[in-house]
């Protein structure tokens, strides 16, 4: 992605992982690596055309995390949340939040036989 995108902002909360990312991203002038909490680091840089989130924090607080993520997207912007377990759609507040949100058009896609992602596009206002 970094080789073809105009600009990428990536946030890592763990300093040791950030060091690994920094080494891998060396020489890519279009990538900005931030160390900290994405909830604090990304809002000043919004709106985004694509926002990719790991599902960990989202599953714990889908309304708070999801609302913030949707607010960071420009109209037509895409939100991807990965690391979901397929077949757990019923009674899953995280999936229900995204799949039924009025500002999104969303679908769950199987990424491997044991993992899934939700891909959502923010509707125009």
PDB file of N, CA and C in Angstrom:
ATOM      1  N   UNK A   1       0.827  -1.189   0.000  1.00  0.00           N
ATOM      2  CA  UNK A   1       0.000   0.000   0.000  1.00  0.00           C
ATOM      3  C   UNK A   1       0.870   1.251   0.000  1.00  0.00           C
ATOM      4  N   UNK A   2       1.929   1.229   0.780  1.00  0.00           N
ATOM      5  CA  UNK A   2       2.780   2.417   0.905  1.00  0.00           C
ATOM      6  C   UNK A   2       3.467   2.772  -0.405  1.00  0.00           C
ATOM      7  N   UNK A   3       3.666   1.796  -1.264  1.00  0.00           N
ATOM      8  CA  UNK A   3       4.352   2.066  -2.523  1.00  0.00           C
ATOM      9  C   UNK A   3       3.438   2.708  -3.566  1.00  0.00           C
ATOM     10  N   UNK A   4       2.117   2.603  -3.388  1.00  0.00           N
ATOM     11  CA  UNK A   4       1.195   3.141  -4.391  1.00  0.00           C
ATOM     12  C   UNK A   4       0.325   4.291  -3.895  1.00  0.00           C
ATOM     13  N   UNK A   5       0.207   4.461  -2.584  1.00  0.00           N
ATOM     14  CA  UNK A   5      -0.655   5.514  -2.034  1.00  0.00           C
ATOM     15  C   UNK A   5       0.035   6.870  -2.092  1.00  0.00           C
ATOM     16  N   UNK A   6      -0.782   7.903  -2.240  1.00  0.00           N
ATOM     17  CA  UNK A   6      -0.248   9.273  -2.205  1.00  0.00           C
ATOM     18  C   UNK A   6       0.283   9.601  -0.826  1.00  0.00           C
ATOM     19  N   UNK A   7      -0.481   9.248   0.203  1.00  0.00           N
ATOM     20  CA  UNK A   7      -0.065   9.523   1.580  1.00  0.00           C
ATOM     21  C   UNK A   7      -0.708   8.501   2.512  1.00  0.00           C
ATOM     22  N   UNK A   8       0.062   8.075   3.504  1.00  0.00           N
ATOM     23  CA  UNK A   8      -0.422   7.138   4.519  1.00  0.00           C
ATOM     24  C   UNK A   8      -0.016   7.671   5.880  1.00  0.00           C
ATOM     25  N   UNK A   9      -0.953   7.581   6.816  1.00  0.00           N
ATOM     26  CA  UNK A   9      -0.661   7.872   8.219  1.00  0.00           C
ATOM     27  C   UNK A   9      -0.913   6.572   8.964  1.00  0.00           C
ATOM     28  N   UNK A  10       0.061   6.109   9.706  1.00  0.00           N
ATOM     29  CA  UNK A  10      -0.094   4.892  10.493  1.00  0.00           C
ATOM     30  C   UNK A  10       0.243   5.201  11.937  1.00  0.00           C
ATOM     31  N   UNK A  11      -0.495   4.590  12.839  1.00  0.00           N
ATOM     32  CA  UNK A  11      -0.320   4.857  14.263  1.00  0.00           C
ATOM     33  C   UNK A  11      -0.066   3.538  14.984  1.00  0.00           C
ATOM     34  N   UNK A  12       0.948   3.532  15.804  1.00  0.00           N
ATOM     35  CA  UNK A  12       1.273   2.363  16.622  1.00  0.00           C
ATOM     36  C   UNK A  12       1.384   2.816  18.068  1.00  0.00           C
ATOM     37  N   UNK A  13       0.666   2.146  18.937  1.00  0.00           N
ATOM     38  CA  UNK A  13       0.689   2.532  20.349  1.00  0.00           C
ATOM     39  C   UNK A  13       1.886   1.942  21.080  1.00  0.00           C
ATOM     40  N   UNK A  14       2.395   0.831  20.601  1.00  0.00           N
ATOM     41  CA  UNK A  14       3.515   0.139  21.237  1.00  0.00           C
ATOM     42  C   UNK A  14       4.841   0.607  20.635  1.00  0.00           C
ATOM     43  N   UNK A  15       5.713   1.142  21.478  1.00  0.00           N
ATOM     44  CA  UNK A  15       6.978   1.712  20.993  1.00  0.00           C
ATOM     45  C   UNK A  15       7.856   0.677  20.297  1.00  0.00           C
ATOM     46  N   UNK A  16       7.910  -0.550  20.801  1.00  0.00           N
ATOM     47  CA  UNK A  16       8.759  -1.560  20.160  1.00  0.00           C
ATOM     48  C   UNK A  16       8.227  -1.936  18.777  1.00  0.00           C
ATOM     49  N   UNK A  17       6.925  -2.004  18.636  1.00  0.00           N
ATOM     50  CA  UNK A  17       6.341  -2.265  17.304  1.00  0.00           C
ATOM     51  C   UNK A  17       6.557  -1.064  16.387  1.00  0.00           C
ATOM     52  N   UNK A  18       6.510   0.112  16.947  1.00  0.00           N
ATOM     53  CA  UNK A  18       6.755   1.317  16.146  1.00  0.00           C
ATOM     54  C   UNK A  18       8.177   1.313  15.594  1.00  0.00           C
ATOM     55  N   UNK A  19       9.130   0.843  16.376  1.00  0.00           N
ATOM     56  CA  UNK A  19      10.519   0.763  15.907  1.00  0.00           C
ATOM     57  C   UNK A  19      10.641  -0.201  14.732  1.00  0.00           C
ATOM     58  N   UNK A  20       9.951  -1.320  14.805  1.00  0.00           N
ATOM     59  CA  UNK A  20       9.958  -2.281  13.697  1.00  0.00           C
ATOM     60  C   UNK A  20       9.328  -1.646  12.460  1.00  0.00           C
ATOM     61  N   UNK A  21       8.194  -0.977  12.650  1.00  0.00           N
ATOM     62  CA  UNK A  21       7.526  -0.308  11.526  1.00  0.00           C
ATOM     63  C   UNK A  21       8.416   0.775  10.936  1.00  0.00           C
ATOM     64  N   UNK A  22       9.063   1.537  11.792  1.00  0.00           N
ATOM     65  CA  UNK A  22       9.941   2.612  11.327  1.00  0.00           C
ATOM     66  C   UNK A  22      11.042   2.055  10.420  1.00  0.00           C
ATOM     67  N   UNK A  23      11.618   0.933  10.796  1.00  0.00           N
ATOM     68  CA  UNK A  23      12.671   0.305   9.980  1.00  0.00           C
ATOM     69  C   UNK A  23      12.104  -0.167   8.635  1.00  0.00           C
ATOM     70  N   UNK A  24      10.920  -0.746   8.652  1.00  0.00           N
ATOM     71  CA  UNK A  24      10.304  -1.242   7.411  1.00  0.00           C
ATOM     72  C   UNK A  24       9.869  -0.110   6.481  1.00  0.00           C
ATOM     73  N   UNK A  25       9.539   1.027   7.058  1.00  0.00           N
ATOM     74  CA  UNK A  25       9.029   2.148   6.264  1.00  0.00           C
ATOM     75  C   UNK A  25      10.115   3.142   5.869  1.00  0.00           C
ATOM     76  N   UNK A  26      11.333   2.874   6.256  1.00  0.00           N
ATOM     77  CA  UNK A  26      12.437   3.786   5.956  1.00  0.00           C
ATOM     78  C   UNK A  26      12.525   4.030   4.447  1.00  0.00           C
ATOM     79  N   UNK A  27      12.646   5.296   4.088  1.00  0.00           N
ATOM     80  CA  UNK A  27      12.760   5.670   2.685  1.00  0.00           C
ATOM     81  C   UNK A  27      11.441   5.920   1.990  1.00  0.00           C
ATOM     82  N   UNK A  28      10.330   5.699   2.676  1.00  0.00           N
ATOM     83  CA  UNK A  28       9.015   5.961   2.084  1.00  0.00           C
ATOM     84  C   UNK A  28       8.520   7.320   2.578  1.00  0.00           C
ATOM     85  N   UNK A  29       8.756   8.338   1.791  1.00  0.00           N
ATOM     86  CA  UNK A  29       8.441   9.711   2.193  1.00  0.00           C
ATOM     87  C   UNK A  29       6.942   9.973   2.314  1.00  0.00           C
ATOM     88  N   UNK A  30       6.129   9.124   1.713  1.00  0.00           N
ATOM     89  CA  UNK A  30       4.681   9.330   1.745  1.00  0.00           C
ATOM     90  C   UNK A  30       4.013   8.715   2.980  1.00  0.00           C
ATOM     91  N   UNK A  31       4.808   8.131   3.878  1.00  0.00           N
ATOM     92  CA  UNK A  31       4.255   7.485   5.071  1.00  0.00           C
ATOM     93  C   UNK A  31       4.657   8.266   6.316  1.00  0.00           C
ATOM     94  N   UNK A  32       3.662   8.603   7.124  1.00  0.00           N
ATOM     95  CA  UNK A  32       3.883   9.267   8.404  1.00  0.00           C
ATOM     96  C   UNK A  32       3.564   8.262   9.512  1.00  0.00           C
ATOM     97  N   UNK A  33       4.561   7.901  10.295  1.00  0.00           N
ATOM     98  CA  UNK A  33       4.394   6.969  11.402  1.00  0.00           C
ATOM     99  C   UNK A  33       4.274   7.760  12.695  1.00  0.00           C
ATOM    100  N   UNK A  34       3.188   7.546  13.409  1.00  0.00           N
ATOM    101  CA  UNK A  34       2.953   8.209  14.687  1.00  0.00           C
ATOM    102  C   UNK A  34       2.973   7.171  15.799  1.00  0.00           C
ATOM    103  N   UNK A  35       3.464   7.555  16.950  1.00  0.00           N
ATOM    104  CA  UNK A  35       3.456   6.671  18.107  1.00  0.00           C
ATOM    105  C   UNK A  35       2.493   7.272  19.117  1.00  0.00           C
ATOM    106  N   UNK A  36       1.471   6.510  19.466  1.00  0.00           N
ATOM    107  CA  UNK A  36       0.470   6.992  20.406  1.00  0.00           C
ATOM    108  C   UNK A  36      -0.854   6.308  20.165  1.00  0.00           C
ATOM    109  N   UNK A  37      -1.893   6.868  20.717  1.00  0.00           N
ATOM    110  CA  UNK A  37      -3.245   6.343  20.595  1.00  0.00           C
ATOM    111  C   UNK A  37      -3.898   6.964  19.357  1.00  0.00           C
ATOM    112  N   UNK A  38      -4.393   6.136  18.464  1.00  0.00           N
ATOM    113  CA  UNK A  38      -4.976   6.644  17.219  1.00  0.00           C
ATOM    114  C   UNK A  38      -6.132   7.600  17.479  1.00  0.00           C
ATOM    115  N   UNK A  39      -6.828   7.401  18.597  1.00  0.00           N
ATOM    116  CA  UNK A  39      -7.980   8.258  18.909  1.00  0.00           C
ATOM    117  C   UNK A  39      -7.558   9.694  19.174  1.00  0.00           C
ATOM    118  N   UNK A  40      -6.316   9.889  19.577  1.00  0.00           N
ATOM    119  CA  UNK A  40      -5.789  11.237  19.784  1.00  0.00           C
ATOM    120  C   UNK A  40      -5.019  11.735  18.564  1.00  0.00           C
ATOM    121  N   UNK A  41      -4.334  10.843  17.878  1.00  0.00           N
ATOM    122  CA  UNK A  41      -3.437  11.230  16.787  1.00  0.00           C
ATOM    123  C   UNK A  41      -4.139  11.494  15.458  1.00  0.00           C
ATOM    124  N   UNK A  42      -5.201  10.747  15.149  1.00  0.00           N
ATOM    125  CA  UNK A  42      -5.804  10.856  13.818  1.00  0.00           C
ATOM    126  C   UNK A  42      -6.805  12.005  13.619  1.00  0.00           C
ATOM    127  N   UNK A  43      -7.607  12.378  14.619  1.00  0.00           N
ATOM    128  CA  UNK A  43      -8.591  13.433  14.356  1.00  0.00           C
ATOM    129  C   UNK A  43      -8.034  14.718  13.743  1.00  0.00           C
ATOM    130  N   UNK A  44      -6.859  15.217  14.157  1.00  0.00           N
ATOM    131  CA  UNK A  44      -6.360  16.438  13.524  1.00  0.00           C
ATOM    132  C   UNK A  44      -5.988  16.259  12.048  1.00  0.00           C
ATOM    133  N   UNK A  45      -5.840  15.030  11.594  1.00  0.00           N
ATOM    134  CA  UNK A  45      -5.440  14.759  10.208  1.00  0.00           C
ATOM    135  C   UNK A  45      -6.617  14.350   9.325  1.00  0.00           C
ATOM    136  N   UNK A  46      -7.797  14.236   9.887  1.00  0.00           N
ATOM    137  CA  UNK A  46      -8.988  13.813   9.139  1.00  0.00           C
ATOM    138  C   UNK A  46      -9.430  14.920   8.188  1.00  0.00           C
ATOM    139  N   UNK A  47     -10.205  14.619   7.178  1.00  0.00           N
ATOM    140  CA  UNK A  47     -10.861  13.348   6.888  1.00  0.00           C
ATOM    141  C   UNK A  47      -9.955  12.403   6.091  1.00  0.00           C
ATOM    142  N   UNK A  48     -10.273  11.103   6.200  1.00  0.00           N
ATOM    143  CA  UNK A  48      -9.520  10.069   5.515  1.00  0.00           C
ATOM    144  C   UNK A  48     -10.372   9.410   4.438  1.00  0.00           C
ATOM    145  N   UNK A  49      -9.708   8.934   3.397  1.00  0.00           N
ATOM    146  CA  UNK A  49     -10.377   8.168   2.342  1.00  0.00           C
ATOM    147  C   UNK A  49     -10.458   6.694   2.701  1.00  0.00           C
ATOM    148  N   UNK A  50      -9.510   6.227   3.518  1.00  0.00           N
ATOM    149  CA  UNK A  50      -9.483   4.839   3.965  1.00  0.00           C
ATOM    150  C   UNK A  50      -8.974   4.814   5.396  1.00  0.00           C
ATOM    151  N   UNK A  51      -9.693   4.096   6.234  1.00  0.00           N
ATOM    152  CA  UNK A  51      -9.291   3.912   7.625  1.00  0.00           C
ATOM    153  C   UNK A  51      -9.338   2.421   7.904  1.00  0.00           C
ATOM    154  N   UNK A  52      -8.201   1.869   8.303  1.00  0.00           N
ATOM    155  CA  UNK A  52      -8.076   0.440   8.555  1.00  0.00           C
ATOM    156  C   UNK A  52      -7.817   0.242  10.036  1.00  0.00           C
ATOM    157  N   UNK A  53      -8.722  -0.458  10.722  1.00  0.00           N
ATOM    158  CA  UNK A  53      -8.593  -0.677  12.168  1.00  0.00           C
ATOM    159  C   UNK A  53      -8.552  -2.159  12.485  1.00  0.00           C
ATOM    160  N   UNK A  54      -7.735  -2.509  13.453  1.00  0.00           N
ATOM    161  CA  UNK A  54      -7.767  -3.847  14.006  1.00  0.00           C
ATOM    162  C   UNK A  54      -9.008  -3.932  14.890  1.00  0.00           C
ATOM    163  N   UNK A  55      -9.625  -5.076  14.946  1.00  0.00           N
ATOM    164  CA  UNK A  55     -10.910  -5.184  15.647  1.00  0.00           C
ATOM    165  C   UNK A  55     -10.803  -5.182  17.161  1.00  0.00           C
ATOM    166  N   UNK A  56      -9.622  -5.362  17.727  1.00  0.00           N
ATOM    167  CA  UNK A  56      -9.471  -5.490  19.177  1.00  0.00           C
ATOM    168  C   UNK A  56     -10.207  -4.454  19.997  1.00  0.00           C
ATOM    169  N   UNK A  57      -9.843  -3.211  19.891  1.00  0.00           N
ATOM    170  CA  UNK A  57     -10.505  -2.151  20.650  1.00  0.00           C
ATOM    171  C   UNK A  57     -11.921  -1.900  20.201  1.00  0.00           C
ATOM    172  N   UNK A  58     -12.194  -2.159  18.934  1.00  0.00           N
ATOM    173  CA  UNK A  58     -13.535  -1.933  18.408  1.00  0.00           C
ATOM    174  C   UNK A  58     -14.537  -2.891  19.043  1.00  0.00           C
ATOM    175  N   UNK A  59     -14.186  -4.155  19.187  1.00  0.00           N
ATOM    176  CA  UNK A  59     -15.112  -5.133  19.760  1.00  0.00           C
ATOM    177  C   UNK A  59     -15.411  -4.825  21.220  1.00  0.00           C
ATOM    178  N   UNK A  60     -14.465  -4.190  21.922  1.00  0.00           N
ATOM    179  CA  UNK A  60     -14.668  -3.873  23.328  1.00  0.00           C
ATOM    180  C   UNK A  60     -15.588  -2.677  23.524  1.00  0.00           C
ATOM    181  N   UNK A  61     -15.547  -1.719  22.597  1.00  0.00           N
ATOM    182  CA  UNK A  61     -16.363  -0.505  22.719  1.00  0.00           C
ATOM    183  C   UNK A  61     -16.848  -0.081  21.337  1.00  0.00           C
ATOM    184  N   UNK A  62     -17.736  -0.877  20.709  1.00  0.00           N
ATOM    185  CA  UNK A  62     -18.106  -0.606  19.322  1.00  0.00           C
ATOM    186  C   UNK A  62     -18.746   0.753  19.087  1.00  0.00           C
ATOM    187  N   UNK A  63     -19.581   1.223  20.010  1.00  0.00           N
ATOM    188  CA  UNK A  63     -20.229   2.506  19.773  1.00  0.00           C
ATOM    189  C   UNK A  63     -19.219   3.642  19.817  1.00  0.00           C
ATOM    190  N   UNK A  64     -18.383   3.687  20.841  1.00  0.00           N
ATOM    191  CA  UNK A  64     -17.406   4.770  20.978  1.00  0.00           C
ATOM    192  C   UNK A  64     -16.361   4.738  19.872  1.00  0.00           C
ATOM    193  N   UNK A  65     -15.736   3.577  19.675  1.00  0.00           N
ATOM    194  CA  UNK A  65     -14.681   3.455  18.663  1.00  0.00           C
ATOM    195  C   UNK A  65     -15.274   3.620  17.267  1.00  0.00           C
ATOM    196  N   UNK A  66     -16.407   2.984  17.013  1.00  0.00           N
ATOM    197  CA  UNK A  66     -17.038   3.080  15.700  1.00  0.00           C
ATOM    198  C   UNK A  66     -17.480   4.489  15.361  1.00  0.00           C
ATOM    199  N   UNK A  67     -18.053   5.179  16.324  1.00  0.00           N
ATOM    200  CA  UNK A  67     -18.491   6.559  16.070  1.00  0.00           C
ATOM    201  C   UNK A  67     -17.310   7.459  15.749  1.00  0.00           C
ATOM    202  N   UNK A  68     -16.214   7.305  16.475  1.00  0.00           N
ATOM    203  CA  UNK A  68     -15.022   8.102  16.199  1.00  0.00           C
ATOM    204  C   UNK A  68     -14.475   7.767  14.815  1.00  0.00           C
ATOM    205  N   UNK A  69     -14.391   6.489  14.491  1.00  0.00           N
ATOM    206  CA  UNK A  69     -13.862   6.074  13.188  1.00  0.00           C
ATOM    207  C   UNK A  69     -14.710   6.624  12.048  1.00  0.00           C
ATOM    208  N   UNK A  70     -16.009   6.534  12.155  1.00  0.00           N
ATOM    209  CA  UNK A  70     -16.892   7.046  11.099  1.00  0.00           C
ATOM    210  C   UNK A  70     -16.706   8.557  10.952  1.00  0.00           C
ATOM    211  N   UNK A  71     -16.537   9.245  12.071  1.00  0.00           N
ATOM    212  CA  UNK A  71     -16.323  10.685  12.031  1.00  0.00           C
ATOM    213  C   UNK A  71     -15.018  11.093  11.369  1.00  0.00           C
ATOM    214  N   UNK A  72     -14.065  10.177  11.279  1.00  0.00           N
ATOM    215  CA  UNK A  72     -12.780  10.475  10.638  1.00  0.00           C
ATOM    216  C   UNK A  72     -12.825  10.296   9.122  1.00  0.00           C
ATOM    217  N   UNK A  73     -13.896   9.690   8.619  1.00  0.00           N
ATOM    218  CA  UNK A  73     -14.015   9.439   7.182  1.00  0.00           C
ATOM    219  C   UNK A  73     -14.655  10.604   6.453  1.00  0.00           C
ATOM    220  N   UNK A  74     -14.142  10.884   5.281  1.00  0.00           N
ATOM    221  CA  UNK A  74     -14.823  11.815   4.396  1.00  0.00           C
ATOM    222  C   UNK A  74     -15.958  11.082   3.700  1.00  0.00           C
ATOM    223  N   UNK A  75     -16.895  11.796   3.081  1.00  0.00           N
ATOM    224  CA  UNK A  75     -17.957  11.131   2.325  1.00  0.00           C
ATOM    225  C   UNK A  75     -17.357  10.202   1.276  1.00  0.00           C
ATOM    226  N   UNK A  76     -17.838   8.968   1.235  1.00  0.00           N
ATOM    227  CA  UNK A  76     -17.291   7.977   0.318  1.00  0.00           C
ATOM    228  C   UNK A  76     -16.070   7.275   0.866  1.00  0.00           C
ATOM    229  N   UNK A  77     -15.592   7.705   2.042  1.00  0.00           N
ATOM    230  CA  UNK A  77     -14.431   7.072   2.653  1.00  0.00           C
ATOM    231  C   UNK A  77     -14.755   5.662   3.105  1.00  0.00           C
ATOM    232  N   UNK A  78     -13.750   4.808   3.105  1.00  0.00           N
ATOM    233  CA  UNK A  78     -13.944   3.402   3.460  1.00  0.00           C
ATOM    234  C   UNK A  78     -13.335   3.088   4.822  1.00  0.00           C
ATOM    235  N   UNK A  79     -14.048   2.273   5.572  1.00  0.00           N
ATOM    236  CA  UNK A  79     -13.606   1.773   6.863  1.00  0.00           C
ATOM    237  C   UNK A  79     -13.463   0.264   6.749  1.00  0.00           C
ATOM    238  N   UNK A  80     -12.303  -0.260   7.124  1.00  0.00           N
ATOM    239  CA  UNK A  80     -12.064  -1.703   7.118  1.00  0.00           C
ATOM    240  C   UNK A  80     -11.684  -2.098   8.531  1.00  0.00           C
ATOM    241  N   UNK A  81     -12.391  -3.101   9.060  1.00  0.00           N
ATOM    242  CA  UNK A  81     -12.093  -3.637  10.382  1.00  0.00           C
ATOM    243  C   UNK A  81     -11.855  -5.125  10.206  1.00  0.00           C
ATOM    244  N   UNK A  82     -10.651  -5.562  10.576  1.00  0.00           N
ATOM    245  CA  UNK A  82     -10.289  -6.958  10.351  1.00  0.00           C
ATOM    246  C   UNK A  82     -10.227  -7.746  11.649  1.00  0.00           C
ATOM    247  N   UNK A  83      -9.781  -8.974  11.517  1.00  0.00           N
ATOM    248  CA  UNK A  83      -9.604  -9.898  12.644  1.00  0.00           C
ATOM    249  C   UNK A  83     -10.913 -10.277  13.322  1.00  0.00           C
ATOM    250  N   UNK A  84     -11.962 -10.407  12.542  1.00  0.00           N
ATOM    251  CA  UNK A  84     -13.229 -10.890  13.072  1.00  0.00           C
ATOM    252  C   UNK A  84     -13.315 -12.398  12.841  1.00  0.00           C
ATOM    253  N   UNK A  85     -14.077 -13.084  13.669  1.00  0.00           N
ATOM    254  CA  UNK A  85     -14.280 -14.514  13.502  1.00  0.00           C
ATOM    255  C   UNK A  85     -15.564 -14.714  12.709  1.00  0.00           C
ATOM    256  N   UNK A  86     -15.501 -15.407  11.574  1.00  0.00           N
ATOM    257  CA  UNK A  86     -16.713 -15.615  10.770  1.00  0.00           C
ATOM    258  C   UNK A  86     -17.759 -16.426  11.542  1.00  0.00           C
ATOM    259  N   UNK A  87     -19.005 -16.196  11.200  1.00  0.00           N
ATOM    260  CA  UNK A  87     -20.086 -16.973  11.767  1.00  0.00           C
ATOM    261  C   UNK A  87     -20.566 -16.524  13.130  1.00  0.00           C
ATOM    262  N   UNK A  88     -20.108 -15.378  13.589  1.00  0.00           N
ATOM    263  CA  UNK A  88     -20.552 -14.868  14.888  1.00  0.00           C
ATOM    264  C   UNK A  88     -21.363 -13.580  14.730  1.00  0.00           C
ATOM    265  N   UNK A  89     -22.145 -13.513  13.685  1.00  0.00           N
ATOM    266  CA  UNK A  89     -22.870 -12.281  13.383  1.00  0.00           C
ATOM    267  C   UNK A  89     -24.040 -12.029  14.333  1.00  0.00           C
ATOM    268  N   UNK A  90     -24.671 -13.085  14.811  1.00  0.00           N
ATOM    269  CA  UNK A  90     -25.837 -12.891  15.676  1.00  0.00           C
ATOM    270  C   UNK A  90     -25.397 -12.404  17.061  1.00  0.00           C
ATOM    271  N   UNK A  91     -26.067 -11.413  17.551  1.00  0.00           N
ATOM    272  CA  UNK A  91     -25.836 -10.865  18.892  1.00  0.00           C
ATOM    273  C   UNK A  91     -24.411 -10.345  19.069  1.00  0.00           C
ATOM    274  N   UNK A  92     -23.838  -9.805  18.018  1.00  0.00           N
ATOM    275  CA  UNK A  92     -22.502  -9.207  18.083  1.00  0.00           C
ATOM    276  C   UNK A  92     -22.674  -7.703  17.939  1.00  0.00           C
ATOM    277  N   UNK A  93     -22.552  -6.946  19.040  1.00  0.00           N
ATOM    278  CA  UNK A  93     -22.784  -5.501  18.979  1.00  0.00           C
ATOM    279  C   UNK A  93     -21.861  -4.780  17.999  1.00  0.00           C
ATOM    280  N   UNK A  94     -20.632  -5.246  17.845  1.00  0.00           N
ATOM    281  CA  UNK A  94     -19.700  -4.593  16.919  1.00  0.00           C
ATOM    282  C   UNK A  94     -20.183  -4.737  15.478  1.00  0.00           C
ATOM    283  N   UNK A  95     -20.537  -5.945  15.090  1.00  0.00           N
ATOM    284  CA  UNK A  95     -21.034  -6.157  13.725  1.00  0.00           C
ATOM    285  C   UNK A  95     -22.346  -5.396  13.504  1.00  0.00           C
ATOM    286  N   UNK A  96     -23.257  -5.498  14.459  1.00  0.00           N
ATOM    287  CA  UNK A  96     -24.544  -4.813  14.314  1.00  0.00           C
ATOM    288  C   UNK A  96     -24.357  -3.311  14.162  1.00  0.00           C
ATOM    289  N   UNK A  97     -23.432  -2.741  14.933  1.00  0.00           N
ATOM    290  CA  UNK A  97     -23.175  -1.307  14.838  1.00  0.00           C
ATOM    291  C   UNK A  97     -22.800  -0.925  13.411  1.00  0.00           C
ATOM    292  N   UNK A  98     -21.856  -1.641  12.825  1.00  0.00           N
ATOM    293  CA  UNK A  98     -21.388  -1.307  11.474  1.00  0.00           C
ATOM    294  C   UNK A  98     -22.389  -1.679  10.392  1.00  0.00           C
ATOM    295  N   UNK A  99     -22.927  -2.871  10.463  1.00  0.00           N
ATOM    296  CA  UNK A  99     -23.794  -3.351   9.395  1.00  0.00           C
ATOM    297  C   UNK A  99     -25.139  -2.635   9.346  1.00  0.00           C
ATOM    298  N   UNK A 100     -25.541  -2.021  10.461  1.00  0.00           N
ATOM    299  CA  UNK A 100     -26.841  -1.334  10.499  1.00  0.00           C
ATOM    300  C   UNK A 100     -26.721   0.174  10.668  1.00  0.00           C
ATOM    301  N   UNK A 101     -25.505   0.694  10.664  1.00  0.00           N
ATOM    302  CA  UNK A 101     -25.331   2.128  10.897  1.00  0.00           C
ATOM    303  C   UNK A 101     -25.896   2.924   9.720  1.00  0.00           C
ATOM    304  N   UNK A 102     -26.697   3.966   9.990  1.00  0.00           N
ATOM    305  CA  UNK A 102     -27.331   4.715   8.900  1.00  0.00           C
ATOM    306  C   UNK A 102     -26.357   5.520   8.036  1.00  0.00           C
ATOM    307  N   UNK A 103     -25.154   5.792   8.521  1.00  0.00           N
ATOM    308  CA  UNK A 103     -24.188   6.565   7.729  1.00  0.00           C
ATOM    309  C   UNK A 103     -23.263   5.673   6.903  1.00  0.00           C
ATOM    310  N   UNK A 104     -23.483   4.337   6.978  1.00  0.00           N
ATOM    311  CA  UNK A 104     -22.601   3.405   6.289  1.00  0.00           C
ATOM    312  C   UNK A 104     -23.357   2.466   5.371  1.00  0.00           C
ATOM    313  N   UNK A 105     -22.664   2.004   4.349  1.00  0.00           N
ATOM    314  CA  UNK A 105     -23.058   0.839   3.575  1.00  0.00           C
ATOM    315  C   UNK A 105     -21.947  -0.162   3.860  1.00  0.00           C
ATOM    316  N   UNK A 106     -22.293  -1.322   4.445  1.00  0.00           N
ATOM    317  CA  UNK A 106     -21.254  -2.229   4.932  1.00  0.00           C
ATOM    318  C   UNK A 106     -21.554  -3.670   4.563  1.00  0.00           C
ATOM    319  N   UNK A 107     -20.475  -4.451   4.458  1.00  0.00           N
ATOM    320  CA  UNK A 107     -20.592  -5.882   4.200  1.00  0.00           C
ATOM    321  C   UNK A 107     -19.465  -6.600   4.918  1.00  0.00           C
ATOM    322  N   UNK A 108     -19.771  -7.806   5.361  1.00  0.00           N
ATOM    323  CA  UNK A 108     -18.734  -8.648   5.957  1.00  0.00           C
ATOM    324  C   UNK A 108     -18.189  -9.554   4.864  1.00  0.00           C
ATOM    325  N   UNK A 109     -16.865  -9.662   4.815  1.00  0.00           N
ATOM    326  CA  UNK A 109     -16.223 -10.504   3.801  1.00  0.00           C
ATOM    327  C   UNK A 109     -15.291 -11.496   4.495  1.00  0.00           C
ATOM    328  N   UNK A 110     -15.269 -12.703   3.975  1.00  0.00           N
ATOM    329  CA  UNK A 110     -14.369 -13.730   4.471  1.00  0.00           C
ATOM    330  C   UNK A 110     -12.986 -13.445   3.910  1.00  0.00           C
ATOM    331  N   UNK A 111     -11.990 -13.325   4.775  1.00  0.00           N
ATOM    332  CA  UNK A 111     -10.637 -13.036   4.312  1.00  0.00           C
ATOM    333  C   UNK A 111      -9.772 -14.286   4.274  1.00  0.00           C
ATOM    334  N   UNK A 112     -10.052 -15.242   5.130  1.00  0.00           N
ATOM    335  CA  UNK A 112      -9.465 -16.583   5.115  1.00  0.00           C
ATOM    336  C   UNK A 112     -10.567 -17.510   5.623  1.00  0.00           C
ATOM    337  N   UNK A 113     -10.373 -18.815   5.601  1.00  0.00           N
ATOM    338  CA  UNK A 113     -11.418 -19.697   6.147  1.00  0.00           C
ATOM    339  C   UNK A 113     -11.740 -19.440   7.624  1.00  0.00           C
ATOM    340  N   UNK A 114     -10.815 -18.800   8.357  1.00  0.00           N
ATOM    341  CA  UNK A 114     -11.058 -18.585   9.785  1.00  0.00           C
ATOM    342  C   UNK A 114     -11.096 -17.117  10.205  1.00  0.00           C
ATOM    343  N   UNK A 115     -11.040 -16.188   9.248  1.00  0.00           N
ATOM    344  CA  UNK A 115     -11.087 -14.758   9.591  1.00  0.00           C
ATOM    345  C   UNK A 115     -11.998 -14.001   8.635  1.00  0.00           C
ATOM    346  N   UNK A 116     -12.505 -12.893   9.129  1.00  0.00           N
ATOM    347  CA  UNK A 116     -13.384 -12.050   8.326  1.00  0.00           C
ATOM    348  C   UNK A 116     -13.066 -10.590   8.588  1.00  0.00           C
ATOM    349  N   UNK A 117     -13.579  -9.728   7.728  1.00  0.00           N
ATOM    350  CA  UNK A 117     -13.438  -8.280   7.881  1.00  0.00           C
ATOM    351  C   UNK A 117     -14.763  -7.644   7.511  1.00  0.00           C
ATOM    352  N   UNK A 118     -14.969  -6.456   8.016  1.00  0.00           N
ATOM    353  CA  UNK A 118     -16.109  -5.656   7.577  1.00  0.00           C
ATOM    354  C   UNK A 118     -15.558  -4.492   6.787  1.00  0.00           C
ATOM    355  N   UNK A 119     -16.110  -4.312   5.608  1.00  0.00           N
ATOM    356  CA  UNK A 119     -15.735  -3.205   4.727  1.00  0.00           C
ATOM    357  C   UNK A 119     -16.965  -2.312   4.637  1.00  0.00           C
ATOM    358  N   UNK A 120     -16.785  -1.038   4.972  1.00  0.00           N
ATOM    359  CA  UNK A 120     -17.916  -0.110   4.990  1.00  0.00           C
ATOM    360  C   UNK A 120     -17.527   1.182   4.275  1.00  0.00           C
ATOM    361  N   UNK A 121     -18.500   1.776   3.631  1.00  0.00           N
ATOM    362  CA  UNK A 121     -18.307   3.068   2.961  1.00  0.00           C
ATOM    363  C   UNK A 121     -19.238   4.073   3.609  1.00  0.00           C
ATOM    364  N   UNK A 122     -18.697   5.253   3.913  1.00  0.00           N
ATOM    365  CA  UNK A 122     -19.522   6.298   4.516  1.00  0.00           C
ATOM    366  C   UNK A 122     -20.388   6.938   3.434  1.00  0.00           C
ATOM    367  N   UNK A 123     -21.664   7.002   3.722  1.00  0.00           N
ATOM    368  CA  UNK A 123     -22.603   7.660   2.796  1.00  0.00           C
ATOM    369  C   UNK A 123     -22.363   9.155   2.768  1.00  0.00           C
ATOM    370  N   UNK A 124     -22.669   9.767   1.645  1.00  0.00           N
ATOM    371  CA  UNK A 124     -22.602  11.230   1.552  1.00  0.00           C
ATOM    372  C   UNK A 124     -23.691  11.819   2.441  1.00  0.00           C
ATOM    373  N   UNK A 125     -23.446  13.011   3.018  1.00  0.00           N
ATOM    374  CA  UNK A 125     -24.461  13.604   3.906  1.00  0.00           C
ATOM    375  C   UNK A 125     -25.727  13.961   3.169  1.00  0.00           C
TER     376      UNK A 125
END
